[in-house]
Amino acid sequence: MTSDLTPAPAPTPAAAQTSATPAAGGLSVAERDLTPDEKKLIMNAISTALKNPAAAKYHWARFPTVPESDQPAYCSTVDGQSPFAAYSGRQAYIVDTKLTGGHITAAMLGEMAGGSDFKLIVDKCAEHGLDPRKAG
């Protein structure tokens, strides 16, 4: 499922905290929390795939402080009702993002699945070096 890229207001730096996480090859990748504006963009993109978006509970993975491109993928999980009963509950998703000034300024849902297909999204996220199961 996809939606149009959703533009955002200018990001607010106050919410971002950074830390380093070991990456493949033993190198550390600096990561940060998403800002409230970034979270809102992602929630808007994901809401198109949920039956009751207002009742969804989001789990947020950390985001690279310096992404490899200005259009990185973001992966995490959400607990929510899917229009497809077998997918309701914990669902993994991958969102395509656009960055401006190092912050997410647009987001579009790539894919989302739960149930027995949860692993399919985890595997696609792994292709980008991401793991939605690390969402807090």
N, C-alpha and C. Protein backbone atom coordinates (compact mmCIF):
# COMPACT_ATOMS: atom_id res chain seq x y z
N MET A 1 0.84 -1.17 0.00
CA MET A 1 0.00 0.00 0.00
C MET A 1 0.88 1.23 0.00
N THR A 2 0.45 2.25 -0.72
CA THR A 2 1.24 3.46 -0.78
C THR A 2 0.35 4.67 -0.61
N SER A 3 0.96 5.79 -0.28
CA SER A 3 0.26 7.06 -0.18
C SER A 3 1.19 8.12 -0.75
N ASP A 4 0.65 9.30 -0.97
CA ASP A 4 1.48 10.39 -1.46
C ASP A 4 2.45 10.81 -0.38
N LEU A 5 3.59 11.35 -0.80
CA LEU A 5 4.53 11.90 0.18
C LEU A 5 3.84 13.02 0.91
N THR A 6 3.95 13.04 2.20
CA THR A 6 3.29 14.03 3.03
C THR A 6 4.32 15.05 3.49
N PRO A 7 4.16 16.35 3.09
CA PRO A 7 5.14 17.35 3.51
C PRO A 7 4.98 17.68 4.99
N ALA A 8 6.06 18.15 5.59
CA ALA A 8 6.04 18.47 7.02
C ALA A 8 6.46 19.90 7.24
N PRO A 9 6.08 20.45 8.41
CA PRO A 9 6.62 21.75 8.79
C PRO A 9 8.10 21.60 9.12
N ALA A 10 8.78 22.72 9.25
CA ALA A 10 10.20 22.67 9.57
C ALA A 10 10.42 21.84 10.83
N PRO A 11 11.44 20.97 10.85
CA PRO A 11 11.67 20.11 12.01
C PRO A 11 12.12 20.90 13.23
N THR A 12 11.78 20.38 14.39
CA THR A 12 12.22 21.00 15.64
C THR A 12 13.32 20.14 16.24
N PRO A 13 14.51 20.67 16.46
CA PRO A 13 15.63 19.87 16.93
C PRO A 13 15.56 19.48 18.40
N ALA A 14 14.66 20.05 19.17
CA ALA A 14 14.65 19.84 20.61
C ALA A 14 14.45 18.39 21.01
N ALA A 15 13.71 17.59 20.22
CA ALA A 15 13.36 16.23 20.64
C ALA A 15 14.43 15.19 20.31
N ALA A 16 15.40 15.54 19.52
CA ALA A 16 16.37 14.55 19.07
C ALA A 16 17.44 14.28 20.11
N GLN A 17 17.68 13.01 20.39
CA GLN A 17 18.77 12.57 21.24
C GLN A 17 19.60 11.61 20.39
N THR A 18 20.89 11.63 20.55
CA THR A 18 21.73 10.76 19.73
C THR A 18 22.45 9.74 20.58
N SER A 19 22.81 8.63 19.93
CA SER A 19 23.63 7.59 20.55
C SER A 19 24.28 6.81 19.42
N ALA A 20 25.19 5.94 19.74
CA ALA A 20 25.85 5.12 18.72
C ALA A 20 25.46 3.66 18.92
N THR A 21 25.20 2.98 17.81
CA THR A 21 24.84 1.58 17.82
C THR A 21 25.81 0.82 16.94
N PRO A 22 26.32 -0.34 17.38
CA PRO A 22 27.22 -1.11 16.55
C PRO A 22 26.55 -1.53 15.25
N ALA A 23 27.26 -1.40 14.15
CA ALA A 23 26.76 -1.80 12.84
C ALA A 23 27.57 -2.99 12.35
N ALA A 24 27.21 -3.49 11.18
CA ALA A 24 27.95 -4.60 10.59
C ALA A 24 29.42 -4.20 10.46
N GLY A 25 30.32 -5.11 10.70
CA GLY A 25 31.74 -4.83 10.59
C GLY A 25 32.31 -4.16 11.83
N GLY A 26 31.52 -4.02 12.91
CA GLY A 26 32.01 -3.47 14.15
C GLY A 26 32.03 -1.95 14.22
N LEU A 27 31.65 -1.27 13.13
CA LEU A 27 31.62 0.19 13.14
C LEU A 27 30.37 0.67 13.88
N SER A 28 30.46 1.82 14.53
CA SER A 28 29.31 2.39 15.21
C SER A 28 28.60 3.37 14.29
N VAL A 29 27.26 3.32 14.30
CA VAL A 29 26.44 4.24 13.54
C VAL A 29 25.73 5.12 14.55
N ALA A 30 25.91 6.43 14.45
CA ALA A 30 25.21 7.35 15.35
C ALA A 30 23.74 7.37 14.98
N GLU A 31 22.89 7.28 16.00
CA GLU A 31 21.45 7.28 15.79
C GLU A 31 20.81 8.30 16.70
N ARG A 32 19.59 8.69 16.34
CA ARG A 32 18.85 9.67 17.12
C ARG A 32 17.39 9.26 17.18
N ASP A 33 16.68 9.84 18.14
CA ASP A 33 15.24 9.68 18.21
C ASP A 33 14.61 10.55 17.12
N LEU A 34 13.45 10.15 16.65
CA LEU A 34 12.72 10.98 15.70
C LEU A 34 12.11 12.17 16.43
N THR A 35 11.96 13.28 15.73
CA THR A 35 11.30 14.44 16.31
C THR A 35 9.78 14.21 16.26
N PRO A 36 9.00 14.96 17.03
CA PRO A 36 7.54 14.83 16.96
C PRO A 36 7.00 15.06 15.55
N ASP A 37 7.56 16.01 14.81
CA ASP A 37 7.10 16.26 13.44
C ASP A 37 7.39 15.07 12.53
N GLU A 38 8.54 14.44 12.71
CA GLU A 38 8.88 13.27 11.91
C GLU A 38 7.94 12.11 12.22
N LYS A 39 7.65 11.91 13.49
CA LYS A 39 6.72 10.85 13.89
C LYS A 39 5.34 11.09 13.28
N LYS A 40 4.90 12.32 13.28
CA LYS A 40 3.59 12.66 12.72
C LYS A 40 3.53 12.32 11.23
N LEU A 41 4.59 12.63 10.50
CA LEU A 41 4.64 12.30 9.08
C LEU A 41 4.53 10.79 8.85
N ILE A 42 5.25 10.03 9.65
CA ILE A 42 5.23 8.57 9.52
C ILE A 42 3.86 8.03 9.91
N MET A 43 3.27 8.55 10.97
CA MET A 43 1.93 8.10 11.37
C MET A 43 0.91 8.41 10.26
N ASN A 44 1.01 9.58 9.63
CA ASN A 44 0.11 9.91 8.53
C ASN A 44 0.26 8.95 7.37
N ALA A 45 1.49 8.58 7.05
CA ALA A 45 1.74 7.64 5.95
C ALA A 45 1.18 6.26 6.27
N ILE A 46 1.33 5.82 7.50
CA ILE A 46 0.89 4.49 7.92
C ILE A 46 -0.62 4.41 8.10
N SER A 47 -1.23 5.51 8.46
CA SER A 47 -2.67 5.51 8.78
C SER A 47 -3.52 5.01 7.62
N THR A 48 -3.03 5.14 6.40
CA THR A 48 -3.79 4.68 5.24
C THR A 48 -3.95 3.16 5.22
N ALA A 49 -3.11 2.45 5.95
CA ALA A 49 -3.15 0.99 5.96
C ALA A 49 -3.78 0.41 7.23
N LEU A 50 -4.29 1.29 8.10
CA LEU A 50 -4.88 0.83 9.36
C LEU A 50 -6.39 1.05 9.36
N LYS A 51 -7.09 0.13 9.99
CA LYS A 51 -8.55 0.21 10.08
C LYS A 51 -8.97 1.31 11.06
N ASN A 52 -8.25 1.45 12.16
CA ASN A 52 -8.55 2.45 13.18
C ASN A 52 -7.25 3.14 13.60
N PRO A 53 -6.74 4.08 12.78
CA PRO A 53 -5.44 4.68 13.06
C PRO A 53 -5.35 5.40 14.40
N ALA A 54 -6.47 5.93 14.89
CA ALA A 54 -6.44 6.67 16.15
C ALA A 54 -6.14 5.75 17.35
N ALA A 55 -6.42 4.46 17.21
CA ALA A 55 -6.19 3.51 18.30
C ALA A 55 -4.83 2.80 18.20
N ALA A 56 -4.07 3.09 17.16
CA ALA A 56 -2.79 2.42 16.94
C ALA A 56 -1.76 2.85 17.98
N LYS A 57 -0.88 1.91 18.35
CA LYS A 57 0.22 2.19 19.27
C LYS A 57 1.52 2.01 18.49
N TYR A 58 2.26 3.09 18.37
CA TYR A 58 3.49 3.09 17.58
C TYR A 58 4.69 2.78 18.44
N HIS A 59 5.62 2.03 17.88
CA HIS A 59 6.91 1.73 18.49
C HIS A 59 7.95 2.36 17.56
N TRP A 60 8.83 3.16 18.12
CA TRP A 60 9.74 3.95 17.31
C TRP A 60 11.16 3.39 17.35
N ALA A 61 11.69 3.07 16.19
CA ALA A 61 13.10 2.70 16.07
C ALA A 61 13.91 3.99 15.94
N ARG A 62 15.17 3.91 16.26
CA ARG A 62 16.05 5.07 16.13
C ARG A 62 16.42 5.26 14.66
N PHE A 63 16.84 6.47 14.32
CA PHE A 63 17.12 6.86 12.94
C PHE A 63 18.58 7.30 12.84
N PRO A 64 19.27 6.95 11.75
CA PRO A 64 20.68 7.37 11.62
C PRO A 64 20.82 8.89 11.67
N THR A 65 21.80 9.36 12.44
CA THR A 65 22.06 10.79 12.51
C THR A 65 22.53 11.30 11.15
N VAL A 66 23.32 10.49 10.47
CA VAL A 66 23.79 10.84 9.12
C VAL A 66 23.41 9.69 8.19
N PRO A 67 22.20 9.75 7.60
CA PRO A 67 21.77 8.68 6.68
C PRO A 67 22.65 8.63 5.44
N GLU A 68 22.62 7.48 4.77
CA GLU A 68 23.46 7.28 3.59
C GLU A 68 22.96 8.05 2.37
N SER A 69 21.71 8.49 2.37
CA SER A 69 21.16 9.25 1.24
C SER A 69 20.12 10.23 1.76
N ASP A 70 19.56 11.06 0.86
CA ASP A 70 18.51 11.98 1.27
C ASP A 70 17.12 11.36 1.12
N GLN A 71 17.08 10.05 0.80
CA GLN A 71 15.82 9.33 0.71
C GLN A 71 15.95 7.94 1.34
N PRO A 72 16.28 7.91 2.64
CA PRO A 72 16.48 6.62 3.30
C PRO A 72 15.16 5.94 3.66
N ALA A 73 15.23 4.64 3.85
CA ALA A 73 14.09 3.89 4.35
C ALA A 73 14.07 3.99 5.87
N TYR A 74 12.89 3.83 6.45
CA TYR A 74 12.73 3.77 7.90
C TYR A 74 11.85 2.57 8.20
N CYS A 75 12.24 1.77 9.17
CA CYS A 75 11.49 0.57 9.54
C CYS A 75 11.18 0.59 11.03
N SER A 76 9.96 0.17 11.37
CA SER A 76 9.59 0.05 12.76
C SER A 76 8.34 -0.81 12.86
N THR A 77 7.62 -0.71 14.00
CA THR A 77 6.41 -1.52 14.18
C THR A 77 5.29 -0.67 14.75
N VAL A 78 4.07 -1.17 14.56
CA VAL A 78 2.87 -0.54 15.10
C VAL A 78 1.91 -1.64 15.53
N ASP A 79 1.24 -1.43 16.65
CA ASP A 79 0.17 -2.33 17.07
C ASP A 79 -1.13 -1.67 16.62
N GLY A 80 -1.85 -2.34 15.72
CA GLY A 80 -3.07 -1.74 15.22
C GLY A 80 -3.93 -2.73 14.46
N GLN A 81 -5.15 -2.27 14.15
CA GLN A 81 -6.09 -3.08 13.40
C GLN A 81 -5.83 -2.91 11.92
N SER A 82 -5.60 -4.02 11.26
CA SER A 82 -5.45 -4.02 9.82
C SER A 82 -6.81 -4.26 9.18
N PRO A 83 -7.02 -3.79 7.96
CA PRO A 83 -8.25 -4.16 7.26
C PRO A 83 -8.31 -5.67 7.00
N PHE A 84 -7.18 -6.35 7.12
CA PHE A 84 -7.09 -7.79 6.93
C PHE A 84 -6.86 -8.43 8.31
N ALA A 85 -7.85 -9.12 8.82
CA ALA A 85 -7.83 -9.63 10.20
C ALA A 85 -6.55 -10.39 10.56
N ALA A 86 -6.01 -11.16 9.63
CA ALA A 86 -4.82 -11.96 9.91
C ALA A 86 -3.60 -11.09 10.22
N TYR A 87 -3.61 -9.81 9.82
CA TYR A 87 -2.48 -8.91 10.04
C TYR A 87 -2.64 -8.03 11.27
N SER A 88 -3.79 -8.03 11.92
CA SER A 88 -4.02 -7.16 13.07
C SER A 88 -3.06 -7.53 14.20
N GLY A 89 -2.76 -6.55 15.05
CA GLY A 89 -1.79 -6.74 16.12
C GLY A 89 -0.49 -6.08 15.74
N ARG A 90 0.64 -6.66 16.16
CA ARG A 90 1.95 -6.08 15.86
C ARG A 90 2.24 -6.25 14.37
N GLN A 91 2.52 -5.11 13.71
CA GLN A 91 2.82 -5.11 12.29
C GLN A 91 4.13 -4.37 12.04
N ALA A 92 4.94 -4.92 11.17
CA ALA A 92 6.18 -4.26 10.77
C ALA A 92 5.90 -3.44 9.52
N TYR A 93 6.62 -2.33 9.39
CA TYR A 93 6.44 -1.51 8.19
C TYR A 93 7.77 -0.94 7.74
N ILE A 94 7.79 -0.60 6.46
CA ILE A 94 8.92 0.12 5.87
C ILE A 94 8.34 1.36 5.20
N VAL A 95 8.93 2.50 5.51
CA VAL A 95 8.48 3.78 4.98
C VAL A 95 9.63 4.38 4.19
N ASP A 96 9.31 4.89 3.01
CA ASP A 96 10.28 5.63 2.22
C ASP A 96 10.21 7.08 2.67
N THR A 97 11.35 7.68 2.95
CA THR A 97 11.36 9.05 3.46
C THR A 97 12.16 9.97 2.54
N LYS A 98 11.96 11.25 2.71
CA LYS A 98 12.76 12.27 2.06
C LYS A 98 13.27 13.18 3.16
N LEU A 99 14.55 13.52 3.09
CA LEU A 99 15.18 14.37 4.10
C LEU A 99 15.47 15.75 3.55
N THR A 100 15.35 16.73 4.43
CA THR A 100 15.81 18.08 4.16
C THR A 100 16.54 18.53 5.42
N GLY A 101 17.78 18.93 5.27
CA GLY A 101 18.56 19.36 6.43
C GLY A 101 18.74 18.26 7.46
N GLY A 102 18.77 16.99 7.02
CA GLY A 102 18.99 15.87 7.93
C GLY A 102 17.75 15.40 8.67
N HIS A 103 16.58 16.00 8.38
CA HIS A 103 15.33 15.60 9.04
C HIS A 103 14.32 15.11 8.02
N ILE A 104 13.48 14.17 8.43
CA ILE A 104 12.44 13.64 7.55
C ILE A 104 11.42 14.74 7.30
N THR A 105 11.20 15.05 6.01
CA THR A 105 10.23 16.08 5.64
C THR A 105 9.10 15.51 4.78
N ALA A 106 9.19 14.22 4.41
CA ALA A 106 8.12 13.56 3.68
C ALA A 106 8.25 12.06 3.92
N ALA A 107 7.11 11.37 3.91
CA ALA A 107 7.10 9.93 4.14
C ALA A 107 6.00 9.28 3.32
N MET A 108 6.31 8.08 2.81
CA MET A 108 5.36 7.31 2.03
C MET A 108 5.47 5.85 2.45
N LEU A 109 4.35 5.24 2.76
CA LEU A 109 4.36 3.83 3.16
C LEU A 109 4.80 2.96 2.00
N GLY A 110 5.82 2.15 2.26
CA GLY A 110 6.27 1.18 1.27
C GLY A 110 5.46 -0.10 1.42
N GLU A 111 5.63 -0.78 2.56
CA GLU A 111 4.90 -2.01 2.84
C GLU A 111 4.68 -2.15 4.32
N MET A 112 3.63 -2.91 4.67
CA MET A 112 3.34 -3.20 6.06
C MET A 112 2.67 -4.56 6.12
N ALA A 113 3.07 -5.36 7.10
CA ALA A 113 2.46 -6.69 7.26
C ALA A 113 2.64 -7.17 8.68
N GLY A 114 1.70 -7.98 9.11
CA GLY A 114 1.77 -8.61 10.41
C GLY A 114 1.54 -10.10 10.26
N GLY A 115 1.22 -10.73 11.35
CA GLY A 115 0.97 -12.17 11.31
C GLY A 115 2.16 -12.93 10.78
N SER A 116 1.91 -13.93 9.97
CA SER A 116 2.99 -14.76 9.43
C SER A 116 3.84 -14.02 8.41
N ASP A 117 3.37 -12.87 7.91
CA ASP A 117 4.14 -12.10 6.93
C ASP A 117 5.03 -11.03 7.58
N PHE A 118 5.01 -10.92 8.90
CA PHE A 118 5.86 -9.97 9.63
C PHE A 118 7.32 -10.14 9.19
N LYS A 119 7.77 -11.39 9.07
CA LYS A 119 9.16 -11.68 8.72
C LYS A 119 9.52 -11.15 7.33
N LEU A 120 8.56 -11.08 6.42
CA LEU A 120 8.84 -10.55 5.08
C LEU A 120 9.31 -9.10 5.16
N ILE A 121 8.67 -8.32 6.00
CA ILE A 121 9.06 -6.91 6.16
C ILE A 121 10.39 -6.82 6.89
N VAL A 122 10.58 -7.65 7.91
CA VAL A 122 11.87 -7.67 8.63
C VAL A 122 13.00 -7.95 7.65
N ASP A 123 12.80 -8.91 6.75
CA ASP A 123 13.83 -9.25 5.77
C ASP A 123 14.09 -8.09 4.80
N LYS A 124 13.04 -7.40 4.36
CA LYS A 124 13.22 -6.25 3.46
C LYS A 124 13.94 -5.11 4.19
N CYS A 125 13.60 -4.90 5.45
CA CYS A 125 14.29 -3.87 6.23
C CYS A 125 15.76 -4.20 6.39
N ALA A 126 16.08 -5.49 6.57
CA ALA A 126 17.47 -5.92 6.73
C ALA A 126 18.31 -5.57 5.50
N GLU A 127 17.68 -5.53 4.32
CA GLU A 127 18.39 -5.14 3.09
C GLU A 127 18.90 -3.70 3.20
N HIS A 128 18.27 -2.90 4.04
CA HIS A 128 18.67 -1.50 4.26
C HIS A 128 19.47 -1.34 5.55
N GLY A 129 19.82 -2.47 6.19
CA GLY A 129 20.56 -2.42 7.45
C GLY A 129 19.69 -2.01 8.63
N LEU A 130 18.37 -2.22 8.52
CA LEU A 130 17.43 -1.81 9.55
C LEU A 130 16.75 -3.02 10.17
N ASP A 131 16.26 -2.87 11.40
CA ASP A 131 15.57 -3.95 12.08
C ASP A 131 14.39 -3.39 12.87
N PRO A 132 13.15 -3.56 12.36
CA PRO A 132 11.99 -3.02 13.06
C PRO A 132 11.76 -3.63 14.43
N ARG A 133 12.35 -4.79 14.69
CA ARG A 133 12.19 -5.42 16.00
C ARG A 133 12.92 -4.67 17.10
N LYS A 134 13.79 -3.72 16.74
CA LYS A 134 14.51 -2.91 17.74
C LYS A 134 13.70 -1.70 18.17
N ALA A 135 12.48 -1.57 17.69
CA ALA A 135 11.64 -0.43 18.06
C ALA A 135 11.25 -0.51 19.52
N GLY A 136 11.25 0.61 20.18
CA GLY A 136 10.93 0.65 21.60
C GLY A 136 9.54 1.11 21.89
